[in-house]
Amino acid sequence: MRLKGVLVAVSLVFLMVALLVITIPAFGSLDSVCPARLAGHVCRQAGHNSNIKGGVSPARLPLRKPIIKPTIDLPSNTLNLKSTNSVTTDKWAVIIGISGYFGTQSDLKYCDDDALDVYNALTTIYGFPPDQVVLLLDSMATTANIQATIDWLIANEGPNSMVVFYYSGHGSRALRGDTDRELIDESIVPWELSRIYDGELALKFKTLESSKVWVGFDSCYAGGMDDVGITGLNRIDTQACRETQLSYESNLLQNGYFTYFMIDAAMLQGKADANGDGVVSIEEAFKYAENSMRSLRLRQRPEISDQYPGEMIL
């Protein structure tokens, strides 16, 4: 009986090792292979004919060194306004959308459209001044530029500010990608195909003073980015899918599904005003997206981490 028990234990160990080898590619990424083709959906996995968003298959999404020199000219008239209190509309945002990545093998389709929709919603509906919104598209969204714009955001916001950070692009995973305590770390993928991990972003956002912060991710494994938005009270983090799922985009809608339903349909078209007060809150927009995506039976379930009391109006 003892020998039988030992054999069973050894078999279980071999099974676990085999599963680990299958799951984790050699360079440490845990990106999932694009699932079977879904009719009408675009796999946000570059180079794949089906319709998903967010990663080539794990072994095919390159890992390159980050670009460390910023090339963006941030609005000089809004730098360091936190100390001068001269802002009339205290709303600040950084929006990132990357469809065209370094090379051609990792390109996505509609992440830049996602970002433009968010920009239009913030500036035309919610009163964000255009010179207080930084929009990074494609090759402008390098590691250095993303970090510089986040620093710009932190330098300008204050306790009474409304702050938005939205990302649409590739998502990735790795074992011990940063210095936090998580075994598996999710990340966003800048233009040059480097990584910025959730723990790194969380450290940045932890310094925000704002009492209204919305952080949104439309990328694969987005559910694992929830620790970025929950670094303080009065914050909401919306994610396009669970941390083990991929995020899909649509050729028909020319958006990621999540961004289309939460931003285009819910906000720009006003379809999510559930209480009829004439304004769409973050919670209303998310619920509309969640219900719409469930009705399509997509293999992605959006998630929300909500630490804001009541409804957050941008």
Protein backbone atom coordinates (compact mmCIF):
# COMPACT_ATOMS: atom_id res chain seq x y z
CA MET A 1 0.00 0.00 0.00
CA ARG A 2 2.86 2.35 0.84
CA LEU A 3 4.49 1.69 -2.55
CA LYS A 4 1.17 2.32 -4.29
CA GLY A 5 0.83 5.62 -2.49
CA VAL A 6 4.34 6.66 -3.49
CA LEU A 7 3.62 5.80 -7.12
CA VAL A 8 0.43 7.87 -7.06
CA ALA A 9 2.30 10.82 -5.56
CA VAL A 10 5.08 10.60 -8.15
CA SER A 11 2.50 10.41 -10.94
CA LEU A 12 0.80 13.55 -9.67
CA VAL A 13 4.14 15.39 -9.55
CA PHE A 14 4.91 14.40 -13.14
CA LEU A 15 1.42 15.53 -14.21
CA MET A 16 1.88 18.94 -12.57
CA VAL A 17 5.29 19.39 -14.17
CA ALA A 18 3.89 18.44 -17.56
CA LEU A 19 1.06 20.95 -17.22
CA LEU A 20 3.54 23.64 -16.16
CA VAL A 21 5.75 22.98 -19.16
CA ILE A 22 2.76 23.16 -21.48
CA THR A 23 1.52 26.40 -19.88
CA ILE A 24 4.76 28.39 -19.56
CA PRO A 25 6.79 29.18 -22.67
CA ALA A 26 10.59 29.25 -22.42
CA PHE A 27 10.97 33.01 -21.98
CA GLY A 28 8.54 33.14 -19.07
CA SER A 29 5.43 34.57 -20.70
CA LEU A 30 2.10 32.98 -19.87
CA ASP A 31 0.17 34.34 -22.85
CA SER A 32 -2.47 31.86 -23.98
CA VAL A 33 -2.60 30.55 -27.50
CA CYS A 34 -5.47 32.02 -29.48
CA PRO A 35 -8.51 29.81 -28.94
CA ALA A 36 -10.54 28.27 -31.69
CA ARG A 37 -11.94 30.71 -34.18
CA LEU A 38 -15.14 32.46 -33.13
CA ALA A 39 -17.51 33.49 -35.91
CA GLY A 40 -17.56 37.27 -36.30
CA HIS A 41 -14.93 37.93 -33.66
CA VAL A 42 -11.40 39.15 -34.21
CA CYS A 43 -8.76 37.45 -32.12
CA ARG A 44 -6.66 40.26 -30.60
CA GLN A 45 -3.70 38.07 -31.31
CA ALA A 46 -1.63 39.55 -34.02
CA GLY A 47 -0.95 37.42 -37.05
CA HIS A 48 -3.98 35.21 -36.39
CA ASN A 49 -6.91 34.97 -38.76
CA SER A 50 -9.47 34.52 -36.02
CA ASN A 51 -10.51 37.53 -34.08
CA ILE A 52 -8.94 37.99 -30.58
CA LYS A 53 -7.08 40.88 -29.01
CA GLY A 54 -4.10 41.00 -26.87
CA GLY A 55 -1.40 38.71 -27.87
CA VAL A 56 0.11 36.69 -30.52
CA SER A 57 0.45 33.22 -29.17
CA PRO A 58 2.80 33.19 -26.17
CA ALA A 59 5.95 32.10 -27.88
CA ARG A 60 5.39 34.53 -30.76
CA LEU A 61 4.94 37.80 -28.85
CA PRO A 62 8.54 39.06 -28.68
CA LEU A 63 10.07 40.49 -25.54
CA ARG A 64 12.33 43.42 -26.41
CA LYS A 65 14.30 45.93 -24.39
CA PRO A 66 12.40 49.10 -23.38
CA ILE A 67 13.04 52.45 -25.01
CA ILE A 68 14.23 54.61 -22.12
CA LYS A 69 14.41 58.07 -23.72
CA PRO A 70 11.14 60.01 -23.97
CA THR A 71 10.31 61.56 -27.33
CA ILE A 72 7.02 63.22 -26.43
CA ASP A 73 6.47 66.94 -25.87
CA LEU A 74 4.02 67.19 -23.01
CA PRO A 75 1.78 70.26 -22.71
CA SER A 76 4.20 72.76 -21.18
CA ASN A 77 1.46 75.14 -20.06
CA THR A 78 0.05 72.50 -17.72
CA LEU A 79 3.21 71.23 -16.06
CA ASN A 80 3.38 71.54 -12.27
CA LEU A 81 0.00 73.25 -11.99
CA LYS A 82 -0.63 71.28 -8.82
CA SER A 83 1.53 73.78 -6.95
CA THR A 84 -0.01 76.89 -8.55
CA ASN A 85 -3.71 75.97 -8.37
CA SER A 86 -4.36 77.77 -11.69
CA VAL A 87 -6.46 75.05 -13.31
CA THR A 88 -10.06 75.97 -14.08
CA THR A 89 -11.15 72.43 -15.00
CA ASP A 90 -9.33 69.94 -12.79
CA LYS A 91 -9.56 66.90 -15.08
CA TRP A 92 -6.54 64.96 -16.34
CA ALA A 93 -6.18 61.88 -18.52
CA VAL A 94 -3.68 59.62 -20.25
CA ILE A 95 -5.08 57.43 -23.04
CA ILE A 96 -3.03 54.77 -24.84
CA GLY A 97 -3.98 52.76 -27.93
CA ILE A 98 -1.48 50.57 -29.79
CA SER A 99 -2.48 48.76 -32.98
CA GLY A 100 0.75 49.10 -34.95
CA TYR A 101 3.59 47.54 -32.95
CA PHE A 102 7.31 47.35 -33.73
CA GLY A 103 7.72 45.27 -36.86
CA THR A 104 4.60 43.82 -38.44
CA GLN A 105 4.06 40.43 -36.81
CA SER A 106 2.55 41.75 -33.58
CA ASP A 107 0.09 44.29 -34.99
CA LEU A 108 -3.47 44.51 -33.75
CA LYS A 109 -6.43 46.16 -35.51
CA TYR A 110 -8.57 48.53 -33.49
CA CYS A 111 -6.76 49.57 -30.31
CA ASP A 112 -6.05 53.03 -31.73
CA ASP A 113 -9.80 53.33 -32.49
CA ASP A 114 -10.52 52.36 -28.89
CA ALA A 115 -8.25 55.13 -27.64
CA LEU A 116 -9.79 57.72 -29.95
CA ASP A 117 -13.27 56.80 -28.70
CA VAL A 118 -12.15 57.30 -25.09
CA TYR A 119 -10.57 60.64 -26.05
CA ASN A 120 -13.77 61.78 -27.77
CA ALA A 121 -15.92 60.72 -24.82
CA LEU A 122 -13.77 62.58 -22.31
CA THR A 123 -13.39 65.80 -24.32
CA THR A 124 -16.86 66.10 -25.88
CA ILE A 125 -19.12 64.66 -23.18
CA TYR A 126 -17.32 64.86 -19.85
CA GLY A 127 -15.58 68.21 -20.17
CA PHE A 128 -11.92 67.21 -20.13
CA PRO A 129 -9.84 70.06 -21.64
CA PRO A 130 -7.91 68.68 -24.67
CA ASP A 131 -4.64 70.17 -23.39
CA GLN A 132 -5.07 68.18 -20.19
CA VAL A 133 -5.46 64.88 -22.02
CA VAL A 134 -2.43 63.06 -23.44
CA LEU A 135 -3.21 60.62 -26.25
CA LEU A 136 -0.49 58.09 -27.14
CA LEU A 137 -1.08 56.11 -30.32
CA ASP A 138 1.07 53.36 -31.82
CA SER A 139 4.78 54.31 -32.06
CA MET A 140 4.33 57.19 -29.60
CA ALA A 141 3.41 54.71 -26.87
CA THR A 142 6.94 53.63 -25.95
CA THR A 143 7.91 52.63 -22.43
CA ALA A 144 9.62 55.98 -21.86
CA ASN A 145 6.69 58.00 -23.19
CA ILE A 146 4.13 56.05 -21.17
CA GLN A 147 6.15 56.53 -18.00
CA ALA A 148 6.67 60.22 -18.78
CA THR A 149 2.95 60.83 -19.29
CA ILE A 150 2.09 59.04 -16.04
CA ASP A 151 4.63 61.28 -14.26
CA TRP A 152 2.99 64.29 -15.98
CA LEU A 153 -0.39 63.09 -14.69
CA ILE A 154 0.92 62.75 -11.14
CA ALA A 155 2.62 66.16 -11.29
CA ASN A 156 -0.60 67.93 -12.21
CA GLU A 157 -3.43 66.18 -10.35
CA GLY A 158 -4.48 66.98 -6.79
CA PRO A 159 -7.04 66.00 -4.14
CA ASN A 160 -9.95 67.51 -6.09
CA SER A 161 -8.91 66.21 -9.52
CA MET A 162 -10.63 63.73 -11.79
CA VAL A 163 -8.01 61.34 -13.19
CA VAL A 164 -8.37 58.81 -16.03
CA PHE A 165 -5.86 56.28 -17.35
CA TYR A 166 -6.99 54.02 -20.20
CA TYR A 167 -4.99 51.42 -22.11
CA SER A 168 -5.92 49.34 -25.16
CA GLY A 169 -3.33 47.00 -26.67
CA HIS A 170 -1.46 43.77 -26.08
CA GLY A 171 -1.50 42.20 -22.64
CA SER A 172 1.07 39.73 -21.36
CA ARG A 173 1.92 37.62 -18.30
CA ALA A 174 5.18 36.47 -16.74
CA LEU A 175 6.51 34.69 -13.69
CA ARG A 176 7.83 37.24 -11.18
CA GLY A 177 7.77 40.07 -13.69
CA ASP A 178 8.13 42.75 -11.02
CA THR A 179 8.94 43.14 -7.33
CA ASP A 180 5.46 42.68 -5.85
CA ARG A 181 4.43 39.48 -4.07
CA GLU A 182 2.47 37.96 -6.92
CA LEU A 183 3.81 34.79 -8.52
CA ILE A 184 2.28 35.65 -11.89
CA ASP A 185 2.37 39.26 -13.05
CA GLU A 186 0.28 40.80 -15.81
CA SER A 187 1.53 43.66 -17.94
CA ILE A 188 0.73 46.12 -20.67
CA VAL A 189 2.94 45.97 -23.77
CA PRO A 190 4.42 49.25 -25.07
CA TRP A 191 5.05 49.82 -28.79
CA GLU A 192 8.57 48.37 -28.81
CA LEU A 193 7.24 45.11 -27.26
CA SER A 194 8.76 45.60 -23.84
CA ARG A 195 6.62 45.17 -20.70
CA ILE A 196 5.29 47.43 -17.96
CA TYR A 197 4.02 45.19 -15.17
CA ASP A 198 1.07 45.71 -12.88
CA GLY A 199 3.28 46.13 -9.83
CA GLU A 200 5.23 48.93 -11.52
CA LEU A 201 2.04 50.76 -12.47
CA ALA A 202 0.58 50.23 -9.00
CA LEU A 203 3.59 51.93 -7.40
CA LYS A 204 3.09 54.92 -9.69
CA PHE A 205 -0.67 55.22 -9.12
CA LYS A 206 -0.32 54.79 -5.39
CA THR A 207 1.05 58.34 -5.25
CA LEU A 208 -2.08 59.91 -6.78
CA GLU A 209 -3.86 62.35 -4.46
CA SER A 210 -7.09 62.49 -6.47
CA SER A 211 -10.41 61.54 -4.91
CA LYS A 212 -11.72 60.36 -8.33
CA VAL A 213 -9.61 57.91 -10.33
CA TRP A 214 -10.77 55.63 -13.15
CA VAL A 215 -8.27 53.16 -14.58
CA GLY A 216 -9.32 51.02 -17.58
CA PHE A 217 -7.62 48.15 -19.43
CA ASP A 218 -8.81 46.58 -22.69
CA SER A 219 -6.18 43.89 -23.17
CA CYS A 220 -5.70 40.19 -22.62
CA TYR A 221 -5.37 39.12 -18.97
CA ALA A 222 -6.73 42.55 -17.97
CA GLY A 223 -8.32 41.14 -14.82
CA GLY A 224 -4.84 40.76 -13.36
CA MET A 225 -4.33 44.53 -13.63
CA ASP A 226 -6.87 45.24 -10.89
CA ASP A 227 -4.18 46.00 -8.33
CA VAL A 228 -3.31 49.12 -10.35
CA GLY A 229 -6.67 50.75 -9.69
CA ILE A 230 -7.13 49.62 -6.09
CA THR A 231 -4.05 51.42 -4.78
CA GLY A 232 -6.25 53.90 -2.92
CA LEU A 233 -9.80 54.79 -1.96
CA ASN A 234 -12.27 56.44 -4.35
CA ARG A 235 -10.94 54.53 -7.36
CA ILE A 236 -12.44 52.31 -10.03
CA ASP A 237 -10.54 49.81 -12.16
CA THR A 238 -12.38 48.31 -15.15
CA GLN A 239 -10.93 45.31 -16.98
CA ALA A 240 -12.02 43.86 -20.31
CA CYS A 241 -11.68 40.24 -19.16
CA ARG A 242 -10.61 37.98 -16.32
CA GLU A 243 -6.91 37.51 -15.63
CA THR A 244 -6.92 34.12 -17.37
CA GLN A 245 -8.87 35.26 -20.43
CA LEU A 246 -8.18 36.95 -23.74
CA SER A 247 -9.83 40.16 -24.94
CA TYR A 248 -11.64 40.22 -28.27
CA GLU A 249 -12.12 42.84 -30.97
CA SER A 250 -14.62 42.99 -33.81
CA ASN A 251 -14.15 43.63 -37.53
CA LEU A 252 -17.79 44.68 -37.68
CA LEU A 253 -17.63 47.15 -34.79
CA GLN A 254 -14.03 48.20 -35.51
CA ASN A 255 -13.33 48.28 -31.80
CA GLY A 256 -12.48 45.99 -28.99
CA TYR A 257 -15.80 44.59 -27.75
CA PHE A 258 -15.31 45.96 -24.26
CA THR A 259 -14.36 49.47 -25.38
CA TYR A 260 -17.13 49.55 -27.95
CA PHE A 261 -19.87 48.71 -25.47
CA MET A 262 -18.48 50.70 -22.53
CA ILE A 263 -17.34 53.80 -24.40
CA ASP A 264 -18.92 54.04 -27.86
CA ALA A 265 -22.36 52.60 -27.13
CA ALA A 266 -22.68 53.38 -23.42
CA MET A 267 -21.12 56.85 -23.30
CA LEU A 268 -20.92 58.35 -26.79
CA GLN A 269 -24.34 57.03 -27.81
CA GLY A 270 -25.76 57.45 -24.28
CA LYS A 271 -27.28 53.97 -24.16
CA ALA A 272 -26.23 53.26 -20.56
CA ASP A 273 -28.14 56.03 -18.77
CA ALA A 274 -30.09 53.55 -16.65
CA ASN A 275 -31.47 56.06 -14.14
CA GLY A 276 -32.38 58.67 -16.77
CA ASP A 277 -30.44 61.53 -15.17
CA GLY A 278 -28.86 62.55 -18.47
CA VAL A 279 -25.33 61.45 -17.61
CA VAL A 280 -23.66 58.05 -17.82
CA SER A 281 -21.58 57.02 -14.81
CA ILE A 282 -18.64 54.61 -14.94
CA GLU A 283 -20.74 52.00 -13.16
CA GLU A 284 -23.63 52.38 -15.63
CA ALA A 285 -21.27 52.13 -18.61
CA PHE A 286 -19.59 49.03 -17.21
CA LYS A 287 -22.89 47.29 -16.46
CA TYR A 288 -24.09 48.02 -20.00
CA ALA A 289 -20.88 46.55 -21.45
CA GLU A 290 -21.05 43.53 -19.17
CA ASN A 291 -24.64 42.72 -20.12
CA SER A 292 -24.04 43.33 -23.84
CA MET A 293 -21.00 41.07 -23.93
CA ARG A 294 -22.78 38.35 -21.99
CA SER A 295 -25.58 38.38 -24.56
CA LEU A 296 -23.01 37.69 -27.30
CA ARG A 297 -21.64 34.72 -25.33
CA LEU A 298 -18.07 35.88 -25.75
CA ARG A 299 -15.29 33.98 -24.07
CA GLN A 300 -14.47 37.01 -21.97
CA ARG A 301 -16.06 38.34 -18.82
CA PRO A 302 -15.29 41.97 -17.93
CA GLU A 303 -14.55 42.80 -14.30
CA ILE A 304 -14.69 45.89 -12.13
CA SER A 305 -12.95 46.83 -8.88
CA ASP A 306 -15.05 49.63 -7.43
CA GLN A 307 -13.93 51.51 -4.32
CA TYR A 308 -15.84 54.68 -5.09
CA PRO A 309 -18.87 55.50 -2.92
CA GLY A 310 -21.98 55.90 -5.04
CA GLU A 311 -21.76 56.49 -8.80
CA MET A 312 -18.61 57.95 -10.33
CA ILE A 313 -19.42 60.74 -12.78
CA LEU A 314 -16.43 61.87 -14.82
